[in-house]
Amino acid sequence: MQTQQNKFDLIIIGGGPIGIACALEAKKKNLSYLILEKGCLVNSLYHYPTNMTFFSTSEKLELDNIPFISNNPKPGKREALEYYRRIATNNRININLFEKVTKVSSDSGDYHKVTTGKAEYISDNVIVATGFYDIPNYLEVPGEDLPKVSHYYNDPHYYATQKTLVVGASNSAVDAALEIYRKGGDVTMIVRKPEIGERVKYWVRPDIINRIEEGSIKAYFNSSLKEIRDTEVVIDTPEGEDVLDNDFVLLLTGYRPNFEFLKNMGIDLSEDGRKIPEYNEDTMETNVPGIFLAGVICGGVETHKWFIENSRIHAKLIMDHISSKTKVS
């Protein structure tokens, strides 16, 4: 049953930094809003590796010109959690945590019905700011479901003295390989391309290259993982198949947005393999009237194109458009 308390000008799906930025802008426009977040506050950030350092400097991560003071030019995970938590609590952001959105329907044409595991809401507008960290890019190789395999990395201590295979050459893979090596792990990397990725953080890339060249970290380039077994892995290399003793496998091959969730809302995705959602770059409104996108989800599978630093502006674009519609109506 719908109640007045369940009606909003705007519902924001996702309580990450960009979702919070949208809420701050909604408050400025005197719009009633609610953030629905399936996990804890800034849930994806909370699940990042313990020692993660941002690529961006602290001022690039600021919301609404609220200063982000950090001990170093590039802040770490714990500082970011503190910063965004303070913003949410001090500004009394209206947010329901641990409430997952299961469906958004727009059958009436006048409003959207948002269904969660706990309640139903109706809203004139919906912003999808769900990021991409929840769904790994699976390799679909035999043994990928073994207990020793993970698509997420947290802390290097767990892998101390163990033979750990890291698959990938992005920032997450490189950070994991270096940290585990420095905590006494025996690290081997499998890299699909001929070298470490160019988008790896510029202060980290020389470090991993040097560790590989000196033999501290073993690396197989132009190679791929073929099979995971209980105590070993099988890899394809330019020289042929190789079998390595192994204790743990970290498949850090990236993540992707929940495209099915978007399609079920009626949002069109590009058919060129990039799966970029259809939206107006001036307003961030999708092909479904009243449904907007904000943050990294705008990039489809190209998750490296949007991040906090360059997508904070989405909040203002959306709220300017919604408030102009509200005034006209």
Protein backbone atom coordinates (compact mmCIF):
# COMPACT_ATOMS: atom_id res chain seq x y z
CA MET A 1 0.00 0.00 0.00
CA GLN A 2 1.34 3.40 -1.00
CA THR A 3 1.47 6.16 1.59
CA GLN A 4 2.37 9.80 1.40
CA GLN A 5 5.68 8.92 3.07
CA ASN A 6 6.51 6.68 0.09
CA LYS A 7 6.11 9.43 -2.52
CA PHE A 8 9.09 11.48 -3.68
CA ASP A 9 10.12 13.91 -6.36
CA LEU A 10 13.21 11.79 -6.81
CA ILE A 11 14.57 8.37 -5.87
CA ILE A 12 18.30 7.77 -6.15
CA ILE A 13 19.42 4.17 -6.55
CA GLY A 14 22.92 3.82 -5.12
CA GLY A 15 24.47 5.40 -2.02
CA GLY A 16 27.98 5.93 -3.33
CA PRO A 17 29.73 9.31 -3.72
CA ILE A 18 27.74 10.19 -6.85
CA GLY A 19 24.44 9.19 -5.26
CA ILE A 20 25.30 11.40 -2.29
CA ALA A 21 26.23 14.23 -4.67
CA CYS A 22 22.77 13.92 -6.26
CA ALA A 23 21.13 14.09 -2.84
CA LEU A 24 23.03 17.26 -1.94
CA GLU A 25 21.88 18.92 -5.15
CA ALA A 26 18.30 17.75 -4.59
CA LYS A 27 18.31 19.43 -1.17
CA LYS A 28 19.41 22.70 -2.75
CA LYS A 29 16.45 22.53 -5.14
CA ASN A 30 14.04 21.69 -2.31
CA LEU A 31 13.16 18.39 -3.97
CA SER A 32 11.92 15.50 -1.85
CA TYR A 33 14.27 12.57 -2.37
CA LEU A 34 15.36 9.21 -1.02
CA ILE A 35 18.54 7.21 -1.62
CA LEU A 36 18.11 3.45 -1.70
CA GLU A 37 21.36 1.52 -1.14
CA LYS A 38 21.55 -2.27 -1.11
CA GLY A 39 24.55 -2.32 1.26
CA CYS A 40 26.30 0.03 3.61
CA LEU A 41 27.02 3.68 2.93
CA VAL A 42 29.38 3.98 -0.09
CA ASN A 43 29.15 0.21 -0.32
CA SER A 44 31.53 -0.33 -3.25
CA LEU A 45 34.19 1.86 -1.65
CA TYR A 46 33.82 -0.08 1.60
CA HIS A 47 34.67 -3.30 -0.28
CA TYR A 48 37.75 -1.88 -2.00
CA PRO A 49 41.13 -3.31 -0.88
CA THR A 50 42.21 -2.24 2.61
CA ASN A 51 45.28 -0.33 1.43
CA MET A 52 43.77 1.15 -1.73
CA THR A 53 45.01 4.62 -2.76
CA PHE A 54 42.94 6.75 -5.11
CA PHE A 55 44.30 7.85 -8.47
CA SER A 56 42.71 11.26 -7.91
CA THR A 57 43.92 13.87 -5.43
CA SER A 58 41.62 14.72 -2.53
CA GLU A 59 40.19 17.91 -4.02
CA LYS A 60 39.04 15.95 -7.09
CA LEU A 61 36.97 13.71 -4.82
CA GLU A 62 35.21 16.54 -3.01
CA LEU A 63 31.45 16.93 -3.14
CA ASP A 64 29.67 20.28 -3.09
CA ASN A 65 32.94 22.14 -2.35
CA ILE A 66 33.16 20.47 1.07
CA PRO A 67 36.92 20.23 1.77
CA PHE A 68 38.46 16.76 1.78
CA ILE A 69 41.53 16.95 4.02
CA SER A 70 43.86 13.97 3.76
CA ASN A 71 47.31 13.13 5.10
CA ASN A 72 48.69 12.62 1.59
CA PRO A 73 47.92 14.24 -1.78
CA LYS A 74 46.17 11.04 -2.87
CA PRO A 75 43.90 9.77 -0.09
CA GLY A 76 43.32 6.17 0.87
CA LYS A 77 40.20 4.12 1.43
CA ARG A 78 39.80 4.83 5.16
CA GLU A 79 40.07 8.60 4.66
CA ALA A 80 37.47 8.46 1.90
CA LEU A 81 35.07 6.42 4.04
CA GLU A 82 35.41 9.01 6.80
CA TYR A 83 34.88 11.91 4.38
CA TYR A 84 31.74 10.59 2.68
CA ARG A 85 30.28 9.34 5.98
CA ARG A 86 30.68 12.78 7.55
CA ILE A 87 28.99 14.39 4.55
CA ALA A 88 26.05 11.99 4.75
CA THR A 89 25.56 12.32 8.50
CA ASN A 90 26.25 16.04 8.87
CA ASN A 91 23.87 16.88 6.02
CA ARG A 92 21.24 14.43 7.27
CA ILE A 93 21.05 12.74 3.90
CA ASN A 94 17.78 10.80 3.53
CA ILE A 95 19.06 7.29 2.81
CA ASN A 96 17.81 3.77 3.42
CA LEU A 97 20.75 1.38 3.74
CA PHE A 98 20.62 -2.38 3.19
CA GLU A 99 17.52 -2.00 1.01
CA LYS A 100 18.03 -3.46 -2.44
CA VAL A 101 15.98 -2.23 -5.40
CA THR A 102 14.57 -5.20 -7.29
CA LYS A 103 12.41 -3.49 -9.89
CA VAL A 104 11.63 -0.11 -11.43
CA SER A 105 8.45 0.08 -13.49
CA SER A 106 7.14 3.05 -15.44
CA ASP A 107 3.85 1.71 -16.75
CA SER A 108 1.72 4.69 -15.76
CA GLY A 109 3.78 7.25 -17.67
CA ASP A 110 3.20 9.78 -14.88
CA TYR A 111 5.46 8.30 -12.21
CA HIS A 112 7.80 5.41 -11.53
CA LYS A 113 7.22 2.60 -9.07
CA VAL A 114 10.38 1.48 -7.28
CA THR A 115 10.18 -1.90 -5.57
CA THR A 116 12.67 -3.11 -2.96
CA GLY A 117 12.88 -6.12 -0.71
CA LYS A 118 11.22 -4.04 2.03
CA ALA A 119 8.74 -1.59 0.45
CA GLU A 120 7.36 0.09 -2.65
CA TYR A 121 7.87 3.76 -3.52
CA ILE A 122 6.57 6.05 -6.20
CA SER A 123 8.56 8.91 -7.62
CA ASP A 124 8.39 11.40 -10.46
CA ASN A 125 12.06 10.77 -11.25
CA VAL A 126 14.66 8.06 -10.70
CA ILE A 127 18.46 8.34 -10.82
CA VAL A 128 20.49 5.18 -11.33
CA ALA A 129 23.91 5.66 -9.73
CA THR A 130 24.77 2.03 -9.05
CA GLY A 131 28.36 1.89 -10.29
CA PHE A 132 29.88 -1.36 -11.55
CA TYR A 133 31.74 -3.14 -8.74
CA ASP A 134 29.17 -5.85 -8.00
CA ILE A 135 29.51 -8.09 -11.07
CA PRO A 136 32.96 -9.48 -11.95
CA ASN A 137 34.03 -10.27 -15.48
CA TYR A 138 34.07 -14.06 -15.24
CA LEU A 139 36.65 -15.97 -17.28
CA GLU A 140 34.44 -19.08 -17.43
CA VAL A 141 37.36 -21.47 -17.12
CA PRO A 142 37.17 -24.86 -15.39
CA GLY A 143 37.72 -24.50 -11.65
CA GLU A 144 36.67 -20.85 -11.42
CA ASP A 145 34.18 -21.81 -8.73
CA LEU A 146 36.78 -23.44 -6.44
CA PRO A 147 37.01 -22.01 -2.88
CA LYS A 148 40.58 -20.82 -3.46
CA VAL A 149 39.43 -18.48 -6.26
CA SER A 150 38.31 -14.89 -5.69
CA HIS A 151 37.34 -12.01 -7.97
CA TYR A 152 37.99 -9.52 -5.19
CA TYR A 153 41.11 -8.69 -3.22
CA ASN A 154 41.14 -7.22 0.28
CA ASP A 155 44.28 -7.62 2.37
CA PRO A 156 47.74 -9.06 1.58
CA HIS A 157 48.24 -10.77 4.96
CA TYR A 158 45.87 -13.56 3.94
CA TYR A 159 48.25 -14.63 1.15
CA ALA A 160 51.54 -14.50 3.09
CA THR A 161 53.88 -17.44 2.17
CA GLN A 162 51.31 -18.76 -0.30
CA LYS A 163 51.66 -19.34 -4.05
CA THR A 164 49.18 -16.81 -5.43
CA LEU A 165 48.27 -16.35 -9.08
CA VAL A 166 47.04 -12.86 -10.02
CA VAL A 167 45.24 -12.67 -13.35
CA GLY A 168 45.06 -9.21 -14.90
CA ALA A 169 47.21 -6.12 -15.34
CA SER A 170 44.96 -3.29 -14.22
CA ASN A 171 45.41 -1.14 -11.11
CA SER A 172 43.69 -3.68 -8.88
CA ALA A 173 45.80 -6.58 -10.14
CA VAL A 174 49.06 -4.65 -9.89
CA ASP A 175 48.29 -3.36 -6.39
CA ALA A 176 47.45 -6.88 -5.22
CA ALA A 177 50.60 -8.40 -6.73
CA LEU A 178 52.89 -5.81 -5.16
CA GLU A 179 51.25 -5.92 -1.72
CA ILE A 180 51.20 -9.71 -1.52
CA TYR A 181 54.84 -9.91 -2.63
CA ARG A 182 55.83 -7.41 0.07
CA LYS A 183 54.01 -9.46 2.73
CA GLY A 184 55.97 -12.59 1.84
CA GLY A 185 53.73 -14.11 -0.80
CA ASP A 186 54.97 -16.01 -3.86
CA VAL A 187 53.28 -14.08 -6.67
CA THR A 188 52.81 -14.97 -10.32
CA MET A 189 50.92 -12.74 -12.76
CA ILE A 190 49.08 -13.76 -15.93
CA VAL A 191 48.81 -10.85 -18.37
CA ARG A 192 46.81 -11.15 -21.58
CA LYS A 193 48.71 -8.33 -23.30
CA PRO A 194 52.46 -7.96 -23.97
CA GLU A 195 53.01 -5.51 -21.09
CA ILE A 196 51.54 -3.99 -17.95
CA GLY A 197 48.60 -1.73 -18.83
CA GLU A 198 49.27 1.93 -19.62
CA ARG A 199 46.39 3.03 -17.38
CA VAL A 200 48.08 1.66 -14.25
CA LYS A 201 48.79 4.46 -11.75
CA TYR A 202 51.90 6.27 -12.95
CA TRP A 203 53.70 6.01 -9.61
CA VAL A 204 53.00 2.26 -9.38
CA ARG A 205 53.71 1.10 -12.95
CA PRO A 206 57.54 1.44 -12.72
CA ASP A 207 57.46 -0.47 -9.43
CA ILE A 208 55.69 -3.53 -10.87
CA ILE A 209 57.84 -3.49 -14.01
CA ASN A 210 61.02 -3.44 -11.91
CA ARG A 211 59.80 -6.24 -9.64
CA ILE A 212 59.04 -8.38 -12.69
CA GLU A 213 62.37 -7.61 -14.36
CA GLU A 214 64.34 -8.54 -11.23
CA GLY A 215 62.35 -11.75 -10.81
CA SER A 216 60.70 -10.89 -7.49
CA ILE A 217 57.31 -11.30 -9.16
CA LYS A 218 56.95 -13.82 -11.97
CA ALA A 219 54.89 -12.75 -14.98
CA TYR A 220 53.60 -14.52 -18.10
CA PHE A 221 52.74 -12.05 -20.87
CA ASN A 222 50.57 -12.76 -23.91
CA SER A 223 49.19 -15.59 -21.80
CA SER A 224 45.87 -16.80 -20.43
CA LEU A 225 44.51 -19.02 -17.69
CA LYS A 226 43.21 -22.33 -19.03
CA GLU A 227 42.21 -24.32 -15.95
CA ILE A 228 42.22 -24.05 -12.14
CA ARG A 229 42.79 -27.19 -10.09
CA ASP A 230 42.91 -27.82 -6.34
CA THR A 231 46.69 -27.48 -6.04
CA GLU A 232 47.78 -26.14 -9.44
CA VAL A 233 46.79 -24.03 -12.43
CA VAL A 234 47.17 -24.58 -16.17
CA ILE A 235 48.12 -21.62 -18.33
CA ASP A 236 48.54 -21.03 -22.06
CA THR A 237 51.73 -19.17 -22.93
CA PRO A 238 53.45 -18.31 -26.24
CA GLU A 239 55.79 -21.25 -25.53
CA GLY A 240 52.92 -23.66 -24.92
CA GLU A 241 50.96 -25.00 -21.98
CA ASP A 242 52.45 -24.76 -18.48
CA VAL A 243 51.32 -26.20 -15.13
CA LEU A 244 52.12 -24.27 -11.94
CA ASP A 245 51.80 -25.22 -8.28
CA ASN A 246 49.21 -22.93 -6.72
CA ASP A 247 47.41 -22.14 -3.45
CA PHE A 248 45.19 -19.16 -4.37
CA VAL A 249 43.92 -17.47 -7.52
CA LEU A 250 42.87 -13.81 -7.75
CA LEU A 251 40.92 -13.14 -10.93
CA LEU A 252 41.17 -9.33 -11.02
CA THR A 253 39.90 -8.94 -14.58
CA GLY A 254 37.50 -6.08 -14.00
CA TYR A 255 33.82 -5.62 -13.30
CA ARG A 256 30.74 -4.49 -15.17
CA PRO A 257 27.44 -2.71 -14.48
CA ASN A 258 24.20 -4.63 -14.08
CA PHE A 259 23.00 -4.32 -17.66
CA GLU A 260 19.95 -6.52 -17.08
CA PHE A 261 18.75 -4.09 -14.42
CA LEU A 262 18.98 -1.24 -16.94
CA LYS A 263 17.28 -3.18 -19.71
CA ASN A 264 14.43 -4.23 -17.42
CA MET A 265 13.74 -0.52 -16.88
CA GLY A 266 13.49 -0.04 -20.64
CA ILE A 267 16.84 1.70 -21.05
CA ASP A 268 18.39 1.04 -24.46
CA LEU A 269 22.02 -0.11 -24.69
CA SER A 270 24.32 0.32 -27.68
CA GLU A 271 24.72 -2.80 -29.83
CA ASP A 272 28.39 -2.25 -30.68
CA GLY A 273 29.66 -4.37 -27.78
CA ARG A 274 30.26 -1.39 -25.48
CA LYS A 275 26.70 -1.53 -24.09
CA ILE A 276 26.59 2.21 -23.47
CA PRO A 277 23.16 3.23 -22.15
CA GLU A 278 21.21 5.80 -24.13
CA TYR A 279 21.08 9.18 -22.39
CA ASN A 280 21.11 12.90 -23.11
CA GLU A 281 24.55 14.29 -22.24
CA ASP A 282 23.04 17.69 -21.31
CA THR A 283 20.47 16.32 -18.85
CA MET A 284 21.60 12.70 -18.20
CA GLU A 285 18.02 11.58 -18.93
CA THR A 286 17.71 8.19 -20.61
CA ASN A 287 15.33 7.16 -23.37
CA VAL A 288 12.84 6.43 -20.56
CA PRO A 289 11.42 9.81 -19.50
CA GLY A 290 12.16 10.61 -15.88
CA ILE A 291 14.93 8.01 -15.48
CA PHE A 292 18.46 9.40 -15.29
CA LEU A 293 21.98 7.99 -15.09
CA ALA A 294 24.87 9.29 -12.99
CA GLY A 295 28.44 8.15 -12.57
CA VAL A 296 30.38 5.26 -14.01
CA ILE A 297 27.29 3.40 -15.19
CA CYS A 298 27.13 5.84 -18.11
CA GLY A 299 30.16 4.18 -19.71
CA GLY A 300 28.79 0.69 -20.29
CA VAL A 301 31.67 -1.80 -20.30
CA GLU A 302 34.13 1.09 -20.58
CA THR A 303 34.24 1.47 -16.82
CA HIS A 304 37.51 3.43 -16.92
CA LYS A 305 35.91 6.48 -18.57
CA TRP A 306 33.82 7.73 -15.66
CA PHE A 307 34.85 8.04 -12.02
CA ILE A 308 34.14 10.37 -9.08
CA GLU A 309 36.38 13.14 -10.38
CA ASN A 310 34.67 13.66 -13.73
CA SER A 311 31.11 12.52 -12.97
CA ARG A 312 30.31 14.75 -9.98
CA ILE A 313 28.88 17.21 -12.52
CA HIS A 314 26.12 14.73 -13.37
CA ALA A 315 24.32 15.59 -10.13
CA LYS A 316 23.94 19.26 -11.04
CA LEU A 317 22.94 18.54 -14.64
CA ILE A 318 20.18 16.21 -13.48
CA MET A 319 18.88 18.42 -10.72
CA ASP A 320 18.83 21.54 -12.91
CA HIS A 321 16.71 19.65 -15.43
CA ILE A 322 14.33 18.14 -12.85
CA SER A 323 13.80 21.46 -11.08
CA SER A 324 13.09 23.19 -14.40
CA LYS A 325 10.46 20.56 -15.20
CA THR A 326 8.94 20.95 -11.74
CA LYS A 327 8.64 24.72 -12.16
CA VAL A 328 6.99 24.34 -15.57
CA SER A 329 4.48 21.82 -14.26
